[in-house]
Amino acid sequence: MQLSPLAQTQRLKPDEWNRLFTATQTTLNLCINCLTAETAGGFPEKVTAFQDDKAVHGRYGKPCPVCAEKIQRIRYADNETNYCAKCQTGGNVMADRGLSRLLGSDWPRSLEELEALRRK
């Protein structure tokens, strides 16, 4: 869908709204169909949002199914958001609240800077 995970909905353009709406419907229908098939019409037990067929959700560190870059994450409180920096943010690494504050100006701003930091 190629929208930043932090995009504010009130600032989305009409084409971005349409892409978000279509992606949401498609994802929900896939989940419904998957659960229906798994349960054979019975009540679903142990339902989880972490499924292998998701593009980024629950896939931190794994390759993006579109571009093969590693999925990144933003942690905040007890939550996390996973995203593909190449597909969703144009190669920009988004700030993780706690870690970016700790690293300050050393926080990597791009995938290239992140890889250089990892090689050290």
N, C-alpha and C. Protein backbone atom coordinates (compact mmCIF):
# COMPACT_ATOMS: atom_id res chain seq x y z
N MET A 1 0.82 -1.19 0.00
CA MET A 1 0.00 0.00 0.00
C MET A 1 0.87 1.25 0.00
N GLN A 2 2.08 1.15 0.51
CA GLN A 2 3.08 2.21 0.45
C GLN A 2 2.69 3.50 1.18
N LEU A 3 2.07 3.37 2.32
CA LEU A 3 1.81 4.52 3.19
C LEU A 3 2.65 4.35 4.45
N SER A 4 3.14 5.45 4.96
CA SER A 4 3.89 5.42 6.21
C SER A 4 2.97 4.90 7.32
N PRO A 5 3.50 4.08 8.23
CA PRO A 5 2.67 3.59 9.33
C PRO A 5 2.25 4.71 10.29
N LEU A 6 2.90 5.85 10.19
CA LEU A 6 2.56 6.97 11.05
C LEU A 6 1.79 8.07 10.32
N ALA A 7 1.36 7.80 9.10
CA ALA A 7 0.60 8.79 8.34
C ALA A 7 -0.69 9.13 9.09
N GLN A 8 -0.97 10.42 9.20
CA GLN A 8 -2.19 10.85 9.87
C GLN A 8 -3.34 10.83 8.87
N THR A 9 -4.42 10.17 9.25
CA THR A 9 -5.53 9.99 8.31
C THR A 9 -6.13 11.30 7.84
N GLN A 10 -6.13 12.34 8.68
CA GLN A 10 -6.72 13.61 8.26
C GLN A 10 -5.87 14.30 7.19
N ARG A 11 -4.64 13.82 6.98
CA ARG A 11 -3.76 14.42 5.98
C ARG A 11 -3.64 13.58 4.70
N LEU A 12 -4.36 12.47 4.64
CA LEU A 12 -4.28 11.62 3.45
C LEU A 12 -4.97 12.26 2.27
N LYS A 13 -4.40 12.07 1.10
CA LYS A 13 -5.00 12.53 -0.15
C LYS A 13 -6.05 11.52 -0.59
N PRO A 14 -6.99 11.91 -1.45
CA PRO A 14 -8.06 10.99 -1.88
C PRO A 14 -7.54 9.65 -2.41
N ASP A 15 -6.47 9.66 -3.20
CA ASP A 15 -5.96 8.38 -3.72
C ASP A 15 -5.37 7.52 -2.60
N GLU A 16 -4.77 8.17 -1.58
CA GLU A 16 -4.25 7.42 -0.44
C GLU A 16 -5.39 6.83 0.39
N TRP A 17 -6.48 7.57 0.54
CA TRP A 17 -7.67 7.05 1.23
C TRP A 17 -8.19 5.82 0.52
N ASN A 18 -8.29 5.90 -0.80
CA ASN A 18 -8.79 4.76 -1.58
C ASN A 18 -7.89 3.54 -1.43
N ARG A 19 -6.57 3.76 -1.47
CA ARG A 19 -5.64 2.64 -1.30
C ARG A 19 -5.76 2.04 0.10
N LEU A 20 -5.88 2.90 1.11
CA LEU A 20 -6.03 2.42 2.49
C LEU A 20 -7.33 1.62 2.65
N PHE A 21 -8.41 2.15 2.10
CA PHE A 21 -9.70 1.47 2.19
C PHE A 21 -9.66 0.11 1.50
N THR A 22 -9.11 0.08 0.29
CA THR A 22 -9.02 -1.18 -0.46
C THR A 22 -8.12 -2.18 0.25
N ALA A 23 -6.97 -1.73 0.75
CA ALA A 23 -6.06 -2.63 1.46
C ALA A 23 -6.69 -3.17 2.74
N THR A 24 -7.44 -2.33 3.44
CA THR A 24 -8.11 -2.76 4.67
C THR A 24 -9.15 -3.83 4.36
N GLN A 25 -9.97 -3.59 3.35
CA GLN A 25 -10.99 -4.58 2.96
C GLN A 25 -10.34 -5.89 2.53
N THR A 26 -9.30 -5.79 1.71
CA THR A 26 -8.62 -6.99 1.22
C THR A 26 -8.03 -7.79 2.37
N THR A 27 -7.37 -7.12 3.30
CA THR A 27 -6.75 -7.79 4.44
C THR A 27 -7.78 -8.45 5.34
N LEU A 28 -8.87 -7.73 5.63
CA LEU A 28 -9.91 -8.32 6.47
C LEU A 28 -10.55 -9.52 5.80
N ASN A 29 -10.81 -9.45 4.50
CA ASN A 29 -11.38 -10.59 3.78
C ASN A 29 -10.44 -11.78 3.77
N LEU A 30 -9.13 -11.52 3.60
CA LEU A 30 -8.16 -12.62 3.66
C LEU A 30 -8.17 -13.29 5.04
N CYS A 31 -8.22 -12.47 6.09
CA CYS A 31 -8.26 -13.03 7.45
C CYS A 31 -9.52 -13.85 7.69
N ILE A 32 -10.64 -13.33 7.25
CA ILE A 32 -11.91 -14.05 7.41
C ILE A 32 -11.86 -15.38 6.66
N ASN A 33 -11.39 -15.35 5.42
CA ASN A 33 -11.31 -16.57 4.62
C ASN A 33 -10.33 -17.57 5.23
N CYS A 34 -9.21 -17.08 5.75
CA CYS A 34 -8.22 -17.96 6.37
C CYS A 34 -8.79 -18.63 7.62
N LEU A 35 -9.44 -17.84 8.49
CA LEU A 35 -10.04 -18.41 9.70
C LEU A 35 -11.17 -19.38 9.38
N THR A 36 -11.96 -19.05 8.38
CA THR A 36 -13.06 -19.93 7.97
C THR A 36 -12.51 -21.27 7.49
N ALA A 37 -11.45 -21.22 6.69
CA ALA A 37 -10.85 -22.46 6.18
C ALA A 37 -10.19 -23.27 7.29
N GLU A 38 -9.51 -22.59 8.22
CA GLU A 38 -8.84 -23.28 9.32
C GLU A 38 -9.81 -23.97 10.27
N THR A 39 -10.96 -23.35 10.48
CA THR A 39 -11.89 -23.87 11.48
C THR A 39 -12.98 -24.74 10.89
N ALA A 40 -13.02 -24.82 9.58
CA ALA A 40 -14.05 -25.60 8.88
C ALA A 40 -15.45 -25.23 9.37
N GLY A 41 -15.67 -23.95 9.57
CA GLY A 41 -16.99 -23.47 9.98
C GLY A 41 -17.22 -23.47 11.47
N GLY A 42 -16.29 -24.04 12.27
CA GLY A 42 -16.43 -24.04 13.72
C GLY A 42 -15.96 -22.72 14.32
N PHE A 43 -15.96 -22.66 15.65
CA PHE A 43 -15.52 -21.44 16.32
C PHE A 43 -13.99 -21.40 16.34
N PRO A 44 -13.36 -20.29 15.91
CA PRO A 44 -11.89 -20.24 15.89
C PRO A 44 -11.30 -20.19 17.30
N GLU A 45 -10.34 -21.04 17.56
CA GLU A 45 -9.63 -21.07 18.83
C GLU A 45 -8.25 -20.48 18.64
N LYS A 46 -7.69 -19.85 19.66
CA LYS A 46 -6.34 -19.31 19.63
C LYS A 46 -6.10 -18.42 18.41
N VAL A 47 -6.96 -17.47 18.21
CA VAL A 47 -6.83 -16.54 17.09
C VAL A 47 -5.69 -15.57 17.36
N THR A 48 -4.84 -15.37 16.39
CA THR A 48 -3.73 -14.43 16.52
C THR A 48 -3.61 -13.61 15.24
N ALA A 49 -3.13 -12.40 15.37
CA ALA A 49 -2.92 -11.55 14.21
C ALA A 49 -1.60 -11.87 13.53
N PHE A 50 -0.74 -12.63 14.19
CA PHE A 50 0.57 -12.96 13.63
C PHE A 50 0.44 -14.17 12.72
N GLN A 51 0.32 -13.91 11.43
CA GLN A 51 0.20 -14.98 10.44
C GLN A 51 1.27 -14.78 9.39
N ASP A 52 1.81 -15.89 8.87
CA ASP A 52 2.92 -15.82 7.92
C ASP A 52 2.59 -15.09 6.63
N ASP A 53 1.32 -15.03 6.26
CA ASP A 53 0.98 -14.39 4.99
C ASP A 53 0.85 -12.87 5.08
N LYS A 54 1.07 -12.29 6.26
CA LYS A 54 1.02 -10.83 6.40
C LYS A 54 2.28 -10.23 5.79
N ALA A 55 2.16 -9.04 5.23
CA ALA A 55 3.30 -8.39 4.59
C ALA A 55 4.33 -7.93 5.62
N VAL A 56 3.89 -7.24 6.69
CA VAL A 56 4.85 -6.76 7.69
C VAL A 56 4.44 -7.07 9.12
N HIS A 57 3.17 -7.24 9.40
CA HIS A 57 2.70 -7.43 10.77
C HIS A 57 3.33 -8.68 11.39
N GLY A 58 4.04 -8.49 12.50
CA GLY A 58 4.66 -9.61 13.20
C GLY A 58 5.86 -10.18 12.47
N ARG A 59 6.44 -9.44 11.54
CA ARG A 59 7.54 -9.97 10.72
C ARG A 59 8.84 -9.18 10.91
N TYR A 60 9.04 -8.58 12.06
CA TYR A 60 10.25 -7.80 12.32
C TYR A 60 11.50 -8.64 12.02
N GLY A 61 12.42 -8.04 11.24
CA GLY A 61 13.67 -8.71 10.90
C GLY A 61 13.59 -9.64 9.72
N LYS A 62 12.39 -9.99 9.29
CA LYS A 62 12.22 -10.88 8.14
C LYS A 62 12.18 -10.03 6.87
N PRO A 63 12.39 -10.65 5.71
CA PRO A 63 12.38 -9.87 4.47
C PRO A 63 10.96 -9.44 4.06
N CYS A 64 10.88 -8.24 3.51
CA CYS A 64 9.63 -7.73 2.96
C CYS A 64 9.26 -8.59 1.74
N PRO A 65 8.01 -9.03 1.61
CA PRO A 65 7.63 -9.86 0.46
C PRO A 65 7.66 -9.10 -0.87
N VAL A 66 7.74 -7.77 -0.82
CA VAL A 66 7.77 -6.97 -2.05
C VAL A 66 9.20 -6.68 -2.48
N CYS A 67 10.05 -6.17 -1.56
CA CYS A 67 11.39 -5.70 -1.94
C CYS A 67 12.53 -6.47 -1.28
N ALA A 68 12.23 -7.34 -0.34
CA ALA A 68 13.20 -8.19 0.37
C ALA A 68 14.06 -7.46 1.41
N GLU A 69 13.82 -6.15 1.65
CA GLU A 69 14.52 -5.45 2.74
C GLU A 69 14.00 -6.00 4.07
N LYS A 70 14.82 -5.91 5.12
CA LYS A 70 14.38 -6.37 6.43
C LYS A 70 13.28 -5.47 6.96
N ILE A 71 12.26 -6.09 7.54
CA ILE A 71 11.17 -5.34 8.16
C ILE A 71 11.70 -4.67 9.42
N GLN A 72 11.38 -3.38 9.59
CA GLN A 72 11.80 -2.59 10.73
C GLN A 72 10.64 -2.50 11.74
N ARG A 73 10.93 -1.98 12.92
CA ARG A 73 9.85 -1.79 13.89
C ARG A 73 10.07 -0.53 14.70
N ILE A 74 8.95 -0.02 15.18
CA ILE A 74 8.94 1.10 16.09
C ILE A 74 8.31 0.57 17.37
N ARG A 75 8.98 0.72 18.50
CA ARG A 75 8.42 0.30 19.78
C ARG A 75 7.95 1.52 20.54
N TYR A 76 6.80 1.38 21.19
CA TYR A 76 6.30 2.44 22.07
C TYR A 76 5.45 1.78 23.14
N ALA A 77 5.79 2.04 24.39
CA ALA A 77 5.13 1.42 25.54
C ALA A 77 5.12 -0.10 25.34
N ASP A 78 3.96 -0.72 25.40
CA ASP A 78 3.86 -2.17 25.22
C ASP A 78 3.48 -2.55 23.80
N ASN A 79 3.56 -1.61 22.88
CA ASN A 79 3.14 -1.86 21.50
C ASN A 79 4.32 -1.74 20.54
N GLU A 80 4.12 -2.27 19.34
CA GLU A 80 5.11 -2.09 18.30
C GLU A 80 4.40 -2.00 16.96
N THR A 81 5.04 -1.29 16.04
CA THR A 81 4.55 -1.17 14.67
C THR A 81 5.65 -1.66 13.76
N ASN A 82 5.34 -2.58 12.89
CA ASN A 82 6.29 -3.08 11.91
C ASN A 82 6.04 -2.39 10.58
N TYR A 83 7.11 -2.14 9.82
CA TYR A 83 6.98 -1.48 8.53
C TYR A 83 8.18 -1.80 7.65
N CYS A 84 8.01 -1.61 6.36
CA CYS A 84 9.12 -1.74 5.42
C CYS A 84 9.61 -0.34 5.10
N ALA A 85 10.84 -0.05 5.50
CA ALA A 85 11.39 1.29 5.28
C ALA A 85 11.49 1.61 3.79
N LYS A 86 11.82 0.64 2.98
CA LYS A 86 11.98 0.90 1.54
C LYS A 86 10.62 1.15 0.88
N CYS A 87 9.65 0.30 1.15
CA CYS A 87 8.34 0.42 0.50
C CYS A 87 7.45 1.52 1.10
N GLN A 88 7.52 1.71 2.40
CA GLN A 88 6.57 2.59 3.06
C GLN A 88 7.10 3.98 3.39
N THR A 89 8.41 4.13 3.56
CA THR A 89 8.92 5.44 3.97
C THR A 89 10.06 5.93 3.08
N GLY A 90 10.15 5.37 1.88
CA GLY A 90 11.17 5.84 0.94
C GLY A 90 12.59 5.62 1.41
N GLY A 91 12.82 4.60 2.21
CA GLY A 91 14.16 4.28 2.70
C GLY A 91 14.52 4.95 4.01
N ASN A 92 13.62 5.73 4.57
CA ASN A 92 13.88 6.39 5.85
C ASN A 92 13.54 5.47 7.02
N VAL A 93 14.45 5.39 7.98
CA VAL A 93 14.23 4.60 9.19
C VAL A 93 13.51 5.50 10.18
N MET A 94 12.37 5.04 10.67
CA MET A 94 11.57 5.84 11.59
C MET A 94 12.13 5.73 13.01
N ALA A 95 12.00 6.79 13.76
CA ALA A 95 12.55 6.83 15.12
C ALA A 95 11.75 5.96 16.07
N ASP A 96 12.47 5.15 16.79
CA ASP A 96 11.92 4.35 17.87
C ASP A 96 12.04 5.23 19.11
N ARG A 97 10.95 5.54 19.77
CA ARG A 97 10.94 6.54 20.84
C ARG A 97 12.07 6.36 21.85
N GLY A 98 12.17 5.21 22.46
CA GLY A 98 13.17 5.00 23.50
C GLY A 98 14.59 4.94 22.96
N LEU A 99 14.80 4.13 21.94
CA LEU A 99 16.14 3.94 21.41
C LEU A 99 16.65 5.19 20.70
N SER A 100 15.80 5.88 19.97
CA SER A 100 16.26 7.09 19.27
C SER A 100 16.62 8.19 20.26
N ARG A 101 15.93 8.25 21.38
CA ARG A 101 16.29 9.24 22.41
C ARG A 101 17.64 8.91 23.02
N LEU A 102 17.89 7.62 23.22
CA LEU A 102 19.16 7.18 23.78
C LEU A 102 20.31 7.47 22.82
N LEU A 103 20.11 7.19 21.53
CA LEU A 103 21.17 7.39 20.55
C LEU A 103 21.28 8.83 20.07
N GLY A 104 20.22 9.60 20.20
CA GLY A 104 20.23 11.01 19.80
C GLY A 104 20.64 11.20 18.35
N SER A 105 21.68 12.00 18.13
CA SER A 105 22.09 12.30 16.76
C SER A 105 22.73 11.10 16.06
N ASP A 106 23.05 10.04 16.80
CA ASP A 106 23.61 8.83 16.19
C ASP A 106 22.53 7.91 15.62
N TRP A 107 21.25 8.27 15.81
CA TRP A 107 20.16 7.43 15.30
C TRP A 107 20.23 7.40 13.77
N PRO A 108 20.23 6.20 13.15
CA PRO A 108 20.31 6.13 11.68
C PRO A 108 19.03 6.68 11.04
N ARG A 109 19.20 7.49 10.01
CA ARG A 109 18.06 8.11 9.33
C ARG A 109 17.65 7.36 8.07
N SER A 110 18.53 6.48 7.57
CA SER A 110 18.23 5.76 6.34
C SER A 110 18.65 4.30 6.48
N LEU A 111 18.21 3.47 5.53
CA LEU A 111 18.60 2.06 5.55
C LEU A 111 20.12 1.92 5.39
N GLU A 112 20.73 2.79 4.59
CA GLU A 112 22.18 2.74 4.40
C GLU A 112 22.91 3.03 5.71
N GLU A 113 22.46 4.05 6.45
CA GLU A 113 23.08 4.37 7.73
C GLU A 113 22.88 3.23 8.74
N LEU A 114 21.70 2.60 8.71
CA LEU A 114 21.42 1.48 9.60
C LEU A 114 22.35 0.31 9.31
N GLU A 115 22.56 -0.01 8.03
CA GLU A 115 23.45 -1.11 7.65
C GLU A 115 24.89 -0.80 8.04
N ALA A 116 25.31 0.46 7.84
CA ALA A 116 26.68 0.85 8.23
C ALA A 116 26.87 0.70 9.74
N LEU A 117 25.84 1.06 10.52
CA LEU A 117 25.90 0.92 11.97
C LEU A 117 25.99 -0.55 12.37
N ARG A 118 25.26 -1.41 11.69
CA ARG A 118 25.28 -2.85 11.98
C ARG A 118 26.63 -3.48 11.67
N ARG A 119 27.33 -2.95 10.65
CA ARG A 119 28.63 -3.51 10.25
C ARG A 119 29.73 -3.15 11.23
N LYS A 120 29.53 -2.12 12.04
CA LYS A 120 30.57 -1.70 13.00
C LYS A 120 30.81 -2.72 14.07
